[in-house]
Amino acid sequence: GINKDQLMNVALLAAVLGIAGGRLYYVVQNNPSFYLHHPTEIIAVWQGGMAFFGAMFGGALAVAISSWRWKIPFWSLLDVGALGMTIGQAIGRIGNIINGDIVGYKTNGWGFEYTNPQTFGPLNVPVQPASLYELLISLALFLLLWNLRTRIRPEGMLAMLYVVLYSVSQFFIFFVRDNIVILGGLKQAQVTSLVVIALALPVIAYLLRKERLASPPQPQPAEAPSTAGEAAS
């Protein structure tokens, strides 16, 4: 179990490490050479720029530290964290829509057009509403995980489902996001998505195997006793 004070401590640690991880991953994903020459800009989070894969890694580290510190079951705490991440992502995407720091490619169809010079989006240019797509995905993930929270087993599977589905969504959403291509036509987040999925699948197999081994063997039906005096053929 976890009491209210422990939950608040976990949430605070997850927020701190999530912000740090999100910012560092953003730096790696977006023009890292600029930040190497201007290292003070790395901490300028008020100027915008967070990446949720980094926040996910930071949050997972916070869960691991909290599990060790307060002797809370790691996998169950990770499941709770997955639900929290979807809500945090949805809130963050609303901010992205407003400030324009997540945009897609230019479009002649429907899209967002930023006209305020205080935003980070390209001015007076219609772009794919990538941040809106991600907001809708985050809400859909939350609804799915919330409905599965009492039905999916074993512990940790809810979090792994979130990790895989979020990674799949990021792989496809970045085909419309205006980010730097780094490898084979793929962007940094797409490469990370593939790596995360490859790492998550063995964890899922481990959890399923652990659950299967922990389950008591099912009793075999007893054979019917042979009838005494059965006539010999």
C-alpha atoms as a PDB file:
ATOM      1  CA  GLY A   1       0.000   0.000   0.000  1.00  0.00           C
ATOM      2  CA  ILE A   2       0.904   3.655  -0.273  1.00  0.00           C
ATOM      3  CA  ASN A   3      -0.222   6.494   1.967  1.00  0.00           C
ATOM      4  CA  LYS A   4      -1.038  10.052   0.978  1.00  0.00           C
ATOM      5  CA  ASP A   5       2.355  11.487   1.970  1.00  0.00           C
ATOM      6  CA  GLN A   6       4.210   8.841  -0.021  1.00  0.00           C
ATOM      7  CA  LEU A   7       1.974   9.464  -3.020  1.00  0.00           C
ATOM      8  CA  MET A   8       2.729  13.182  -2.879  1.00  0.00           C
ATOM      9  CA  ASN A   9       6.460  12.478  -2.643  1.00  0.00           C
ATOM     10  CA  VAL A  10       6.287  10.112  -5.615  1.00  0.00           C
ATOM     11  CA  ALA A  11       4.349  12.690  -7.646  1.00  0.00           C
ATOM     12  CA  LEU A  12       6.845  15.441  -6.795  1.00  0.00           C
ATOM     13  CA  LEU A  13       9.852  13.295  -7.702  1.00  0.00           C
ATOM     14  CA  ALA A  14       8.160  12.171 -10.923  1.00  0.00           C
ATOM     15  CA  ALA A  15       7.439  15.799 -11.832  1.00  0.00           C
ATOM     16  CA  VAL A  16      11.049  16.873 -11.265  1.00  0.00           C
ATOM     17  CA  LEU A  17      12.651  13.939 -13.088  1.00  0.00           C
ATOM     18  CA  GLY A  18       9.973  14.020 -15.780  1.00  0.00           C
ATOM     19  CA  ILE A  19      10.662  17.682 -16.554  1.00  0.00           C
ATOM     20  CA  ALA A  20      14.423  17.071 -16.545  1.00  0.00           C
ATOM     21  CA  GLY A  21      14.101  14.027 -18.791  1.00  0.00           C
ATOM     22  CA  GLY A  22      11.656  15.746 -21.106  1.00  0.00           C
ATOM     23  CA  ARG A  23      13.925  18.740 -21.533  1.00  0.00           C
ATOM     24  CA  LEU A  24      17.077  16.696 -22.113  1.00  0.00           C
ATOM     25  CA  TYR A  25      15.374  14.517 -24.687  1.00  0.00           C
ATOM     26  CA  TYR A  26      14.060  17.635 -26.439  1.00  0.00           C
ATOM     27  CA  VAL A  27      17.621  18.985 -26.601  1.00  0.00           C
ATOM     28  CA  VAL A  28      18.840  15.735 -28.185  1.00  0.00           C
ATOM     29  CA  GLN A  29      15.892  15.626 -30.575  1.00  0.00           C
ATOM     30  CA  ASN A  30      16.017  19.265 -31.705  1.00  0.00           C
ATOM     31  CA  ASN A  31      19.316  20.704 -32.923  1.00  0.00           C
ATOM     32  CA  PRO A  32      21.670  19.402 -30.199  1.00  0.00           C
ATOM     33  CA  SER A  33      24.630  21.246 -31.742  1.00  0.00           C
ATOM     34  CA  PHE A  34      22.946  24.559 -30.889  1.00  0.00           C
ATOM     35  CA  TYR A  35      22.665  23.569 -27.236  1.00  0.00           C
ATOM     36  CA  LEU A  36      26.273  22.380 -27.162  1.00  0.00           C
ATOM     37  CA  HIS A  37      27.320  25.898 -28.135  1.00  0.00           C
ATOM     38  CA  HIS A  38      24.718  27.534 -25.866  1.00  0.00           C
ATOM     39  CA  PRO A  39      24.549  25.244 -22.799  1.00  0.00           C
ATOM     40  CA  THR A  40      22.657  27.777 -20.693  1.00  0.00           C
ATOM     41  CA  GLU A  41      19.733  27.413 -23.102  1.00  0.00           C
ATOM     42  CA  ILE A  42      19.303  23.799 -21.986  1.00  0.00           C
ATOM     43  CA  ILE A  43      17.620  24.881 -18.759  1.00  0.00           C
ATOM     44  CA  ALA A  44      15.468  27.564 -20.428  1.00  0.00           C
ATOM     45  CA  VAL A  45      12.283  25.494 -20.198  1.00  0.00           C
ATOM     46  CA  TRP A  46      10.210  28.681 -20.012  1.00  0.00           C
ATOM     47  CA  GLN A  47      11.008  29.201 -23.689  1.00  0.00           C
ATOM     48  CA  GLY A  48       9.191  25.985 -24.549  1.00  0.00           C
ATOM     49  CA  GLY A  49      10.519  22.620 -25.584  1.00  0.00           C
ATOM     50  CA  MET A  50       9.713  19.328 -23.875  1.00  0.00           C
ATOM     51  CA  ALA A  51       9.676  15.793 -25.258  1.00  0.00           C
ATOM     52  CA  PHE A  52       7.405  13.233 -23.659  1.00  0.00           C
ATOM     53  CA  PHE A  53       9.653  10.251 -24.330  1.00  0.00           C
ATOM     54  CA  GLY A  54      12.184  11.924 -22.069  1.00  0.00           C
ATOM     55  CA  ALA A  55       9.460  12.642 -19.517  1.00  0.00           C
ATOM     56  CA  MET A  56       8.497   8.972 -19.672  1.00  0.00           C
ATOM     57  CA  PHE A  57      12.066   7.880 -18.957  1.00  0.00           C
ATOM     58  CA  GLY A  58      12.339  10.384 -16.101  1.00  0.00           C
ATOM     59  CA  GLY A  59       9.026   9.237 -14.663  1.00  0.00           C
ATOM     60  CA  ALA A  60      10.088   5.587 -14.821  1.00  0.00           C
ATOM     61  CA  LEU A  61      13.270   6.475 -12.930  1.00  0.00           C
ATOM     62  CA  ALA A  62      11.163   8.254 -10.297  1.00  0.00           C
ATOM     63  CA  VAL A  63       9.005   5.143  -9.925  1.00  0.00           C
ATOM     64  CA  ALA A  64      12.090   2.947  -9.497  1.00  0.00           C
ATOM     65  CA  ILE A  65      13.558   5.256  -6.840  1.00  0.00           C
ATOM     66  CA  SER A  66      10.218   5.541  -5.023  1.00  0.00           C
ATOM     67  CA  SER A  67       9.675   1.786  -5.100  1.00  0.00           C
ATOM     68  CA  TRP A  68      13.078   1.244  -3.503  1.00  0.00           C
ATOM     69  CA  ARG A  69      12.745   4.093  -0.997  1.00  0.00           C
ATOM     70  CA  TRP A  70       9.275   3.292   0.332  1.00  0.00           C
ATOM     71  CA  LYS A  71       9.130  -0.433  -0.445  1.00  0.00           C
ATOM     72  CA  ILE A  72       6.181  -0.027  -2.803  1.00  0.00           C
ATOM     73  CA  PRO A  73       5.638  -2.772  -5.427  1.00  0.00           C
ATOM     74  CA  PHE A  74       7.376  -1.471  -8.539  1.00  0.00           C
ATOM     75  CA  TRP A  75       4.980  -2.792 -11.155  1.00  0.00           C
ATOM     76  CA  SER A  76       1.808  -1.638  -9.433  1.00  0.00           C
ATOM     77  CA  LEU A  77       3.312   1.824  -8.952  1.00  0.00           C
ATOM     78  CA  LEU A  78       4.292   1.870 -12.622  1.00  0.00           C
ATOM     79  CA  ASP A  79       0.682   1.100 -13.582  1.00  0.00           C
ATOM     80  CA  VAL A  80      -0.507   4.089 -11.560  1.00  0.00           C
ATOM     81  CA  GLY A  81       2.177   6.213 -13.190  1.00  0.00           C
ATOM     82  CA  ALA A  82       0.986   5.222 -16.670  1.00  0.00           C
ATOM     83  CA  LEU A  83      -2.461   6.629 -15.947  1.00  0.00           C
ATOM     84  CA  GLY A  84      -0.881   9.804 -14.615  1.00  0.00           C
ATOM     85  CA  MET A  85       1.287  10.145 -17.710  1.00  0.00           C
ATOM     86  CA  THR A  86      -1.696  10.121 -20.059  1.00  0.00           C
ATOM     87  CA  ILE A  87      -3.329  12.947 -18.109  1.00  0.00           C
ATOM     88  CA  GLY A  88      -0.051  14.885 -17.992  1.00  0.00           C
ATOM     89  CA  GLN A  89       0.399  14.440 -21.725  1.00  0.00           C
ATOM     90  CA  ALA A  90      -3.097  15.681 -22.489  1.00  0.00           C
ATOM     91  CA  ILE A  91      -2.555  18.801 -20.375  1.00  0.00           C
ATOM     92  CA  GLY A  92       0.836  19.364 -21.980  1.00  0.00           C
ATOM     93  CA  ARG A  93      -0.609  19.062 -25.484  1.00  0.00           C
ATOM     94  CA  ILE A  94      -3.123  21.809 -24.725  1.00  0.00           C
ATOM     95  CA  GLY A  95      -0.133  24.030 -23.952  1.00  0.00           C
ATOM     96  CA  ASN A  96       1.513  22.921 -27.199  1.00  0.00           C
ATOM     97  CA  ILE A  97      -1.578  23.917 -29.163  1.00  0.00           C
ATOM     98  CA  ILE A  98      -1.535  27.360 -27.575  1.00  0.00           C
ATOM     99  CA  ASN A  99       2.182  28.139 -27.886  1.00  0.00           C
ATOM    100  CA  GLY A 100       2.785  26.400 -31.217  1.00  0.00           C
ATOM    101  CA  ASP A 101       5.983  24.543 -30.314  1.00  0.00           C
ATOM    102  CA  ILE A 102       4.687  21.299 -31.842  1.00  0.00           C
ATOM    103  CA  VAL A 103       3.614  21.689 -35.460  1.00  0.00           C
ATOM    104  CA  GLY A 104       3.317  19.534 -38.528  1.00  0.00           C
ATOM    105  CA  TYR A 105       4.348  20.171 -42.094  1.00  0.00           C
ATOM    106  CA  LYS A 106       2.826  22.968 -44.148  1.00  0.00           C
ATOM    107  CA  THR A 107      -0.556  22.047 -45.536  1.00  0.00           C
ATOM    108  CA  ASN A 108      -3.041  23.321 -48.079  1.00  0.00           C
ATOM    109  CA  GLY A 109      -5.846  21.535 -46.283  1.00  0.00           C
ATOM    110  CA  TRP A 110      -7.153  21.997 -42.771  1.00  0.00           C
ATOM    111  CA  GLY A 111      -4.635  22.934 -40.112  1.00  0.00           C
ATOM    112  CA  PHE A 112      -3.494  25.495 -37.567  1.00  0.00           C
ATOM    113  CA  GLU A 113      -2.283  28.941 -38.537  1.00  0.00           C
ATOM    114  CA  TYR A 114      -0.434  30.972 -35.926  1.00  0.00           C
ATOM    115  CA  THR A 115      -0.737  34.740 -36.238  1.00  0.00           C
ATOM    116  CA  ASN A 116       0.613  35.837 -32.839  1.00  0.00           C
ATOM    117  CA  PRO A 117       4.370  36.568 -32.973  1.00  0.00           C
ATOM    118  CA  GLN A 118       4.657  35.495 -29.318  1.00  0.00           C
ATOM    119  CA  THR A 119       4.022  31.865 -30.273  1.00  0.00           C
ATOM    120  CA  PHE A 120       6.683  29.420 -31.478  1.00  0.00           C
ATOM    121  CA  GLY A 121       4.786  28.297 -34.583  1.00  0.00           C
ATOM    122  CA  PRO A 122       5.526  29.579 -38.095  1.00  0.00           C
ATOM    123  CA  LEU A 123       3.576  32.796 -38.606  1.00  0.00           C
ATOM    124  CA  ASN A 124       0.693  32.945 -41.081  1.00  0.00           C
ATOM    125  CA  VAL A 125       1.449  29.502 -42.501  1.00  0.00           C
ATOM    126  CA  PRO A 126      -1.147  26.684 -42.271  1.00  0.00           C
ATOM    127  CA  VAL A 127       0.449  23.597 -40.706  1.00  0.00           C
ATOM    128  CA  GLN A 128      -0.730  20.124 -39.801  1.00  0.00           C
ATOM    129  CA  PRO A 129      -2.217  20.256 -36.253  1.00  0.00           C
ATOM    130  CA  ALA A 130       0.185  17.667 -34.848  1.00  0.00           C
ATOM    131  CA  SER A 131      -0.369  18.826 -31.272  1.00  0.00           C
ATOM    132  CA  LEU A 132      -4.131  18.305 -31.662  1.00  0.00           C
ATOM    133  CA  TYR A 133      -3.563  14.787 -32.981  1.00  0.00           C
ATOM    134  CA  GLU A 134      -1.398  14.040 -29.955  1.00  0.00           C
ATOM    135  CA  LEU A 135      -3.985  15.484 -27.565  1.00  0.00           C
ATOM    136  CA  LEU A 136      -6.647  13.184 -28.994  1.00  0.00           C
ATOM    137  CA  ILE A 137      -4.296  10.204 -28.779  1.00  0.00           C
ATOM    138  CA  SER A 138      -3.505  10.983 -25.131  1.00  0.00           C
ATOM    139  CA  LEU A 139      -7.202  11.173 -24.245  1.00  0.00           C
ATOM    140  CA  ALA A 140      -7.903   7.917 -26.074  1.00  0.00           C
ATOM    141  CA  LEU A 141      -5.041   6.209 -24.231  1.00  0.00           C
ATOM    142  CA  PHE A 142      -6.339   7.434 -20.881  1.00  0.00           C
ATOM    143  CA  LEU A 143      -9.849   6.138 -21.570  1.00  0.00           C
ATOM    144  CA  LEU A 144      -8.481   2.774 -22.685  1.00  0.00           C
ATOM    145  CA  LEU A 145      -6.173   2.360 -19.694  1.00  0.00           C
ATOM    146  CA  TRP A 146      -8.840   3.530 -17.258  1.00  0.00           C
ATOM    147  CA  ASN A 147     -11.284   0.912 -18.539  1.00  0.00           C
ATOM    148  CA  LEU A 148      -8.635  -1.817 -18.386  1.00  0.00           C
ATOM    149  CA  ARG A 149      -7.152  -0.893 -15.008  1.00  0.00           C
ATOM    150  CA  THR A 150      -9.107  -3.519 -13.018  1.00  0.00           C
ATOM    151  CA  ARG A 151      -9.193  -6.165 -15.725  1.00  0.00           C
ATOM    152  CA  ILE A 152      -5.705  -6.455 -17.127  1.00  0.00           C
ATOM    153  CA  ARG A 153      -3.198  -8.737 -15.445  1.00  0.00           C
ATOM    154  CA  PRO A 154      -0.475  -9.110 -14.239  1.00  0.00           C
ATOM    155  CA  GLU A 155       0.735  -5.967 -12.475  1.00  0.00           C
ATOM    156  CA  GLY A 156       2.875  -3.935 -14.825  1.00  0.00           C
ATOM    157  CA  MET A 157       0.958  -4.980 -17.928  1.00  0.00           C
ATOM    158  CA  LEU A 158      -1.097  -1.787 -17.934  1.00  0.00           C
ATOM    159  CA  ALA A 159       2.094   0.284 -17.981  1.00  0.00           C
ATOM    160  CA  MET A 160       3.636  -1.870 -20.709  1.00  0.00           C
ATOM    161  CA  LEU A 161       0.504  -1.542 -22.815  1.00  0.00           C
ATOM    162  CA  TYR A 162       0.759   2.221 -22.442  1.00  0.00           C
ATOM    163  CA  VAL A 163       4.448   2.198 -23.408  1.00  0.00           C
ATOM    164  CA  VAL A 164       3.837   0.142 -26.557  1.00  0.00           C
ATOM    165  CA  LEU A 165       0.736   2.033 -27.701  1.00  0.00           C
ATOM    166  CA  TYR A 166       2.295   5.419 -27.032  1.00  0.00           C
ATOM    167  CA  SER A 167       5.427   4.407 -28.938  1.00  0.00           C
ATOM    168  CA  VAL A 168       3.353   3.192 -31.890  1.00  0.00           C
ATOM    169  CA  SER A 169       1.426   6.476 -31.916  1.00  0.00           C
ATOM    170  CA  GLN A 170       4.644   8.486 -31.861  1.00  0.00           C
ATOM    171  CA  PHE A 171       6.126   6.473 -34.707  1.00  0.00           C
ATOM    172  CA  PHE A 172       3.210   7.371 -36.972  1.00  0.00           C
ATOM    173  CA  ILE A 173       2.501  10.904 -35.740  1.00  0.00           C
ATOM    174  CA  PHE A 174       6.067  11.998 -36.512  1.00  0.00           C
ATOM    175  CA  PHE A 175       5.470  11.390 -40.203  1.00  0.00           C
ATOM    176  CA  VAL A 176       3.465  14.632 -40.136  1.00  0.00           C
ATOM    177  CA  ARG A 177       5.578  16.504 -37.565  1.00  0.00           C
ATOM    178  CA  ASP A 178       8.159  18.974 -38.812  1.00  0.00           C
ATOM    179  CA  ASN A 179      11.277  17.593 -37.119  1.00  0.00           C
ATOM    180  CA  ILE A 180      14.810  16.765 -38.221  1.00  0.00           C
ATOM    181  CA  VAL A 181      15.274  13.481 -40.118  1.00  0.00           C
ATOM    182  CA  ILE A 182      18.231  11.544 -38.718  1.00  0.00           C
ATOM    183  CA  LEU A 183      18.200   7.976 -40.060  1.00  0.00           C
ATOM    184  CA  GLY A 184      16.650   6.311 -43.090  1.00  0.00           C
ATOM    185  CA  GLY A 185      13.916   8.901 -43.428  1.00  0.00           C
ATOM    186  CA  LEU A 186      13.028   8.576 -39.741  1.00  0.00           C
ATOM    187  CA  LYS A 187      13.170  11.196 -37.018  1.00  0.00           C
ATOM    188  CA  GLN A 188      14.689  10.866 -33.565  1.00  0.00           C
ATOM    189  CA  ALA A 189      11.381  10.070 -31.853  1.00  0.00           C
ATOM    190  CA  GLN A 190      10.567   7.401 -34.442  1.00  0.00           C
ATOM    191  CA  VAL A 191      13.879   5.661 -33.879  1.00  0.00           C
ATOM    192  CA  THR A 192      13.309   5.897 -30.131  1.00  0.00           C
ATOM    193  CA  SER A 193       9.813   4.451 -30.594  1.00  0.00           C
ATOM    194  CA  LEU A 194      11.205   1.372 -32.323  1.00  0.00           C
ATOM    195  CA  VAL A 195      13.843   0.904 -29.628  1.00  0.00           C
ATOM    196  CA  VAL A 196      11.285   1.288 -26.827  1.00  0.00           C
ATOM    197  CA  ILE A 197       8.921  -1.232 -28.437  1.00  0.00           C
ATOM    198  CA  ALA A 198      11.797  -3.686 -28.892  1.00  0.00           C
ATOM    199  CA  LEU A 199      12.659  -3.314 -25.196  1.00  0.00           C
ATOM    200  CA  ALA A 200       9.044  -3.487 -24.008  1.00  0.00           C
ATOM    201  CA  LEU A 201       8.131  -6.741 -25.743  1.00  0.00           C
ATOM    202  CA  PRO A 202      10.584  -8.900 -23.733  1.00  0.00           C
ATOM    203  CA  VAL A 203       9.321  -7.229 -20.544  1.00  0.00           C
ATOM    204  CA  ILE A 204       5.759  -8.170 -21.485  1.00  0.00           C
ATOM    205  CA  ALA A 205       6.877 -11.751 -22.124  1.00  0.00           C
ATOM    206  CA  TYR A 206       8.621 -11.783 -18.721  1.00  0.00           C
ATOM    207  CA  LEU A 207       5.514 -10.508 -16.917  1.00  0.00           C
ATOM    208  CA  LEU A 208       3.279 -13.077 -18.600  1.00  0.00           C
ATOM    209  CA  ARG A 209       5.692 -15.900 -17.812  1.00  0.00           C
ATOM    210  CA  LYS A 210       5.992 -14.739 -14.204  1.00  0.00           C
ATOM    211  CA  GLU A 211       2.203 -14.678 -13.876  1.00  0.00           C
ATOM    212  CA  ARG A 212       1.885 -18.126 -15.394  1.00  0.00           C
ATOM    213  CA  LEU A 213       4.484 -19.630 -13.060  1.00  0.00           C
ATOM    214  CA  ALA A 214       2.874 -17.972 -10.034  1.00  0.00           C
ATOM    215  CA  SER A 215      -0.578 -19.344 -10.847  1.00  0.00           C
ATOM    216  CA  PRO A 216      -1.441 -22.550  -8.957  1.00  0.00           C
ATOM    217  CA  PRO A 217      -1.707 -25.599 -11.210  1.00  0.00           C
ATOM    218  CA  GLN A 218      -5.227 -26.513 -12.176  1.00  0.00           C
ATOM    219  CA  PRO A 219      -6.380 -29.805 -10.598  1.00  0.00           C
ATOM    220  CA  GLN A 220      -6.776 -32.628 -13.066  1.00  0.00           C
ATOM    221  CA  PRO A 221     -10.147 -34.399 -13.106  1.00  0.00           C
ATOM    222  CA  ALA A 222     -10.002 -37.715 -11.288  1.00  0.00           C
ATOM    223  CA  GLU A 223     -10.366 -40.833 -13.375  1.00  0.00           C
ATOM    224  CA  ALA A 224     -13.495 -42.852 -12.759  1.00  0.00           C
ATOM    225  CA  PRO A 225     -12.706 -45.999 -10.718  1.00  0.00           C
ATOM    226  CA  SER A 226     -12.973 -49.260 -12.595  1.00  0.00           C
ATOM    227  CA  THR A 227     -16.060 -51.347 -11.805  1.00  0.00           C
ATOM    228  CA  ALA A 228     -15.348 -54.334  -9.577  1.00  0.00           C
ATOM    229  CA  GLY A 229     -16.006 -57.618 -11.198  1.00  0.00           C
ATOM    230  CA  GLU A 230     -15.756 -56.173 -14.663  1.00  0.00           C
ATOM    231  CA  ALA A 231     -16.245 -59.030 -17.011  1.00  0.00           C
ATOM    232  CA  ALA A 232     -13.095 -60.152 -18.697  1.00  0.00           C
ATOM    233  CA  SER A 233     -13.269 -60.242 -22.414  1.00  0.00           C
END
